[in-house]
Amino acid sequence: MNSQRARENRIIERLESGALSPMSASDAADTERAPVTIQPIEEPCYGCYEHSADVRVGDHVWHHLCFLFWQGRSETLRERQAPNAPEESRITPERPHWVIVAAADRPDAYPILRRNFAGSAWVNVVVDRRQGERRQPSRKQPAEDRRRVGRRSMDRDATQVPSFRLARQGDGFAVYEATASVPGRCPQCRALVSVEIPRFVEPPVRLDLTVVHETIVPNRARHLVDCQSYSATGRVLLASRMAVRTRIEPL
């Protein structure tokens, strides 16, 4: 086990035992002012207790990597300890929003990706089975026919939006992202909402979308969606409140 992994395990033990408090609101404010210059500090790290901390955040000194790890883990623990949103207000995808296609000639990529995204309803990991299945035309198509087919294809493509787009090309895999918005329903007034998923550099391991009903005046409300996404280490990638499109079904 490397030294950083040992430090992270120590942080988890301290968090779960209560010796290290989850991130508070003031800590979150300090996060925004976290130093970008790393320099040796001859004091023990607030998270793992090992010496040679290299950044100062608020009133404490840290190893830079320990602070980043604690930031994500403590957010996860705080979210776990907070009252859960009603299940009916959570948006559950009808189908995966991201499809990760592992290359058939990279057998090492598929099990790693599958393990990383296990249990995620938003991400599906598959192996590319298309190799060798595309048939080549047995003879050349006449130029006139090619022009006619090409023109029809261009007309059709101009009016149709593909269901998925290539979002990222990685080492041994490709990530495809759905182009459509995600539907949901307000549990309070039963209004239908649809929200555009933010674009990520890579799919989040966990994505929580919660419909929020806000009363503006009597008999009038607006709807929003709270979005929280997490990396594989539990670090918060995005936490924001997003506008949605709303449609009220007639009674």
Protein backbone atom coordinates (compact mmCIF):
# COMPACT_ATOMS: atom_id res chain seq x y z
CA MET A 1 0.00 0.00 0.00
CA ASN A 2 1.46 3.39 -0.98
CA SER A 3 1.85 6.20 1.53
CA GLN A 4 -0.99 8.31 0.15
CA ARG A 5 -3.45 5.41 0.27
CA ALA A 6 -2.41 4.79 3.90
CA ARG A 7 -3.05 8.47 4.69
CA GLU A 8 -6.48 8.32 3.06
CA ASN A 9 -7.39 5.20 5.05
CA ARG A 10 -6.38 7.04 8.23
CA ILE A 11 -8.63 9.98 7.27
CA ILE A 12 -11.58 7.63 6.70
CA GLU A 13 -11.01 5.97 10.07
CA ARG A 14 -10.90 9.36 11.82
CA LEU A 15 -14.01 10.59 9.99
CA GLU A 16 -16.03 7.48 10.81
CA SER A 17 -14.89 7.47 14.45
CA GLY A 18 -15.78 11.15 14.87
CA ALA A 19 -12.21 12.25 15.57
CA LEU A 20 -12.23 14.31 12.36
CA SER A 21 -15.38 16.34 11.73
CA PRO A 22 -17.04 16.40 8.29
CA MET A 23 -16.66 19.62 6.34
CA SER A 24 -18.67 22.51 7.80
CA ALA A 25 -19.98 25.59 6.05
CA SER A 26 -16.94 27.60 7.17
CA ASP A 27 -14.65 24.85 5.90
CA ALA A 28 -16.45 25.01 2.56
CA ALA A 29 -15.77 28.76 2.43
CA ASP A 30 -12.11 28.08 3.21
CA THR A 31 -12.08 25.61 0.33
CA GLU A 32 -12.77 28.45 -2.09
CA ARG A 33 -9.72 30.26 -0.69
CA ALA A 34 -7.48 27.19 -0.63
CA PRO A 35 -3.89 28.14 -1.45
CA VAL A 36 -2.53 27.30 -4.85
CA THR A 37 1.12 27.59 -3.78
CA ILE A 38 2.46 24.44 -2.17
CA GLN A 39 5.40 24.80 0.20
CA PRO A 40 6.81 22.66 3.03
CA ILE A 41 5.32 23.30 6.49
CA GLU A 42 6.96 21.56 9.42
CA GLU A 43 3.70 20.68 11.14
CA PRO A 44 1.57 17.52 11.21
CA CYS A 45 -1.23 17.23 8.65
CA TYR A 46 -4.66 17.91 10.20
CA GLY A 47 -6.12 14.92 8.36
CA CYS A 48 -3.60 12.08 8.61
CA TYR A 49 -1.36 13.36 11.45
CA GLU A 50 1.83 12.76 9.47
CA HIS A 51 4.41 15.56 9.40
CA SER A 52 5.54 17.70 6.48
CA ALA A 53 2.21 19.30 5.60
CA ASP A 54 2.45 21.56 2.56
CA VAL A 55 -0.71 23.76 2.43
CA ARG A 56 -2.66 25.87 4.91
CA VAL A 57 -6.46 25.98 4.72
CA GLY A 58 -8.18 28.17 7.27
CA ASP A 59 -6.79 27.38 10.72
CA HIS A 60 -5.28 24.02 9.75
CA VAL A 61 -2.36 22.72 7.73
CA TRP A 62 -2.69 19.75 5.39
CA HIS A 63 -0.99 17.61 2.85
CA HIS A 64 -2.51 18.91 -0.36
CA LEU A 65 -3.72 15.46 -1.48
CA CYS A 66 -5.10 14.74 1.98
CA PHE A 67 -7.14 17.94 1.89
CA LEU A 68 -8.60 17.13 -1.53
CA PHE A 69 -9.50 13.63 -0.35
CA TRP A 70 -11.04 14.89 2.92
CA GLN A 71 -13.01 17.50 1.02
CA GLY A 72 -14.71 14.80 -1.04
CA ARG A 73 -15.10 12.19 1.71
CA SER A 74 -16.45 14.63 4.28
CA GLU A 75 -19.00 15.94 1.79
CA THR A 76 -20.11 12.36 1.22
CA LEU A 77 -20.42 11.68 4.95
CA ARG A 78 -22.28 14.95 5.54
CA GLU A 79 -24.71 14.13 2.73
CA ARG A 80 -25.16 10.64 4.19
CA GLN A 81 -25.92 12.07 7.63
CA ALA A 82 -28.37 14.70 6.31
CA PRO A 83 -32.06 13.82 5.93
CA ASN A 84 -32.60 12.16 2.58
CA ALA A 85 -34.83 13.82 0.04
CA PRO A 86 -38.17 12.05 -0.49
CA GLU A 87 -37.70 9.17 -2.89
CA GLU A 88 -40.54 10.40 -5.10
CA SER A 89 -38.72 13.71 -5.70
CA ARG A 90 -35.60 12.01 -7.05
CA ILE A 91 -35.24 11.70 -10.82
CA THR A 92 -34.49 8.15 -11.93
CA PRO A 93 -33.28 7.78 -15.53
CA GLU A 94 -35.44 5.75 -17.89
CA ARG A 95 -32.22 4.61 -19.59
CA PRO A 96 -28.50 5.30 -18.99
CA HIS A 97 -27.44 8.82 -19.87
CA TRP A 98 -23.87 7.71 -20.61
CA VAL A 99 -22.73 4.58 -22.45
CA ILE A 100 -19.06 3.66 -22.13
CA VAL A 101 -17.90 1.39 -24.95
CA ALA A 102 -14.75 -0.57 -24.08
CA ALA A 103 -12.56 -1.57 -27.01
CA ALA A 104 -12.72 -5.27 -27.87
CA ASP A 105 -8.92 -5.43 -28.20
CA ARG A 106 -8.45 -4.03 -24.67
CA PRO A 107 -9.78 -6.78 -22.38
CA ASP A 108 -8.26 -5.03 -19.35
CA ALA A 109 -10.43 -1.91 -19.79
CA TYR A 110 -13.89 -3.48 -19.48
CA PRO A 111 -13.65 -5.00 -15.95
CA ILE A 112 -12.11 -1.80 -14.55
CA LEU A 113 -14.80 0.42 -16.05
CA ARG A 114 -17.51 -2.04 -15.02
CA ARG A 115 -16.28 -2.04 -11.42
CA ASN A 116 -15.97 1.75 -11.26
CA PHE A 117 -19.55 2.33 -12.41
CA ALA A 118 -21.21 -0.65 -10.76
CA GLY A 119 -24.58 0.26 -9.33
CA SER A 120 -24.94 3.48 -11.34
CA ALA A 121 -28.27 3.78 -13.14
CA TRP A 122 -26.85 6.64 -15.20
CA VAL A 123 -23.92 4.76 -16.78
CA ASN A 124 -23.83 1.56 -18.82
CA VAL A 125 -20.54 -0.14 -19.71
CA VAL A 126 -20.46 -2.41 -22.78
CA VAL A 127 -17.84 -4.04 -25.00
CA ASP A 128 -17.57 -2.91 -28.60
CA ARG A 129 -18.95 -5.78 -30.68
CA ARG A 130 -19.05 -3.93 -33.99
CA GLN A 131 -15.63 -4.94 -35.27
CA GLY A 132 -15.87 -7.20 -38.29
CA GLU A 133 -19.64 -6.85 -38.55
CA ARG A 134 -19.72 -4.05 -41.09
CA ARG A 135 -20.14 -5.46 -44.56
CA GLN A 136 -18.33 -3.88 -47.48
CA PRO A 137 -20.28 -3.39 -50.73
CA SER A 138 -19.58 -6.16 -53.22
CA ARG A 139 -19.45 -3.80 -56.18
CA LYS A 140 -19.07 -0.12 -56.82
CA GLN A 141 -22.22 1.93 -56.78
CA PRO A 142 -22.86 4.03 -59.87
CA ALA A 143 -21.93 7.69 -59.42
CA GLU A 144 -25.50 8.84 -60.11
CA ASP A 145 -26.90 6.49 -57.45
CA ARG A 146 -24.25 7.63 -54.96
CA ARG A 147 -25.22 11.25 -55.52
CA ARG A 148 -28.90 10.44 -55.02
CA VAL A 149 -28.29 8.41 -51.86
CA GLY A 150 -25.92 11.03 -50.48
CA ARG A 151 -28.48 13.79 -51.06
CA ARG A 152 -31.21 11.82 -49.29
CA SER A 153 -28.88 11.08 -46.38
CA MET A 154 -27.99 14.75 -46.01
CA ASP A 155 -31.65 15.77 -46.00
CA ARG A 156 -32.50 13.13 -43.40
CA ASP A 157 -29.53 13.98 -41.17
CA ALA A 158 -30.39 17.67 -41.21
CA THR A 159 -33.74 17.02 -39.54
CA GLN A 160 -32.76 14.27 -37.13
CA VAL A 161 -30.80 14.68 -33.90
CA PRO A 162 -28.73 11.63 -32.92
CA SER A 163 -29.69 9.98 -29.65
CA PHE A 164 -26.07 9.94 -28.43
CA ARG A 165 -22.97 11.98 -29.15
CA LEU A 166 -19.32 11.09 -28.67
CA ALA A 167 -18.36 12.91 -25.47
CA ARG A 168 -14.87 11.56 -24.84
CA GLN A 169 -12.30 9.23 -26.38
CA GLY A 170 -10.17 7.57 -23.71
CA ASP A 171 -7.42 4.96 -23.62
CA GLY A 172 -9.25 1.80 -24.64
CA PHE A 173 -12.78 3.19 -24.39
CA ALA A 174 -15.19 5.81 -25.75
CA VAL A 175 -17.89 7.67 -23.82
CA TYR A 176 -21.21 8.44 -25.51
CA GLU A 177 -23.65 10.89 -23.93
CA ALA A 178 -27.40 11.11 -24.53
CA THR A 179 -28.48 14.31 -26.27
CA ALA A 180 -32.02 14.42 -24.87
CA SER A 181 -33.03 16.09 -21.63
CA VAL A 182 -34.01 13.93 -18.65
CA PRO A 183 -37.68 13.87 -17.58
CA GLY A 184 -38.97 13.91 -14.01
CA ARG A 185 -42.08 14.71 -12.02
CA CYS A 186 -42.77 17.04 -9.11
CA PRO A 187 -44.10 14.96 -6.18
CA GLN A 188 -46.10 17.90 -4.85
CA CYS A 189 -48.06 19.12 -7.90
CA ARG A 190 -47.33 16.25 -10.32
CA ALA A 191 -45.97 18.65 -12.95
CA LEU A 192 -43.69 17.13 -15.58
CA VAL A 193 -40.21 18.63 -15.71
CA SER A 194 -37.23 18.09 -17.98
CA VAL A 195 -33.65 19.06 -17.19
CA GLU A 196 -30.50 19.32 -19.26
CA ILE A 197 -27.70 17.28 -17.69
CA PRO A 198 -24.46 19.27 -17.32
CA ARG A 199 -21.54 18.08 -19.40
CA PHE A 200 -18.74 16.40 -17.48
CA VAL A 201 -15.18 15.62 -18.51
CA GLU A 202 -15.99 12.03 -17.53
CA PRO A 203 -19.26 10.48 -16.30
CA PRO A 204 -19.84 10.89 -12.55
CA VAL A 205 -19.87 7.67 -10.56
CA ARG A 206 -22.93 8.96 -8.72
CA LEU A 207 -25.48 11.53 -9.85
CA ASP A 208 -28.39 12.75 -7.69
CA LEU A 209 -31.16 14.87 -9.21
CA THR A 210 -33.95 16.10 -6.94
CA VAL A 211 -37.02 18.07 -8.05
CA VAL A 212 -37.70 21.19 -5.95
CA HIS A 213 -41.17 22.81 -5.78
CA GLU A 214 -41.09 26.50 -4.82
CA THR A 215 -44.34 28.41 -4.24
CA ILE A 216 -44.08 31.96 -5.64
CA VAL A 217 -47.63 33.17 -4.97
CA PRO A 218 -50.78 31.20 -4.12
CA ASN A 219 -51.61 28.77 -6.91
CA ARG A 220 -48.35 29.52 -8.70
CA ALA A 221 -45.03 27.71 -8.35
CA ARG A 222 -41.72 27.26 -10.09
CA HIS A 223 -39.63 24.13 -10.31
CA LEU A 224 -35.90 23.61 -10.02
CA VAL A 225 -33.63 20.58 -9.82
CA ASP A 226 -30.85 20.13 -7.28
CA CYS A 227 -27.88 18.36 -8.84
CA GLN A 228 -25.07 16.65 -6.96
CA SER A 229 -22.43 14.51 -8.63
CA TYR A 230 -19.54 12.54 -7.15
CA SER A 231 -16.29 10.99 -8.34
CA ALA A 232 -15.10 7.46 -7.57
CA THR A 233 -13.34 8.72 -4.41
CA GLY A 234 -16.51 10.42 -3.16
CA ARG A 235 -15.37 13.93 -4.03
CA VAL A 236 -18.11 16.35 -5.06
CA LEU A 237 -17.74 17.21 -8.74
CA LEU A 238 -20.73 19.52 -9.00
CA ALA A 239 -23.38 20.82 -6.62
CA SER A 240 -25.83 23.26 -8.17
CA ARG A 241 -29.50 24.17 -8.55
CA MET A 242 -30.66 24.14 -12.17
CA ALA A 243 -33.60 25.60 -14.04
CA VAL A 244 -35.98 23.17 -15.75
CA ARG A 245 -38.74 23.17 -18.34
CA THR A 246 -42.16 22.48 -16.82
CA ARG A 247 -45.37 21.15 -18.32
CA ILE A 248 -48.61 20.84 -16.36
CA GLU A 249 -50.82 17.95 -17.43
CA PRO A 250 -54.55 18.80 -17.75
CA LEU A 251 -56.75 17.24 -15.10
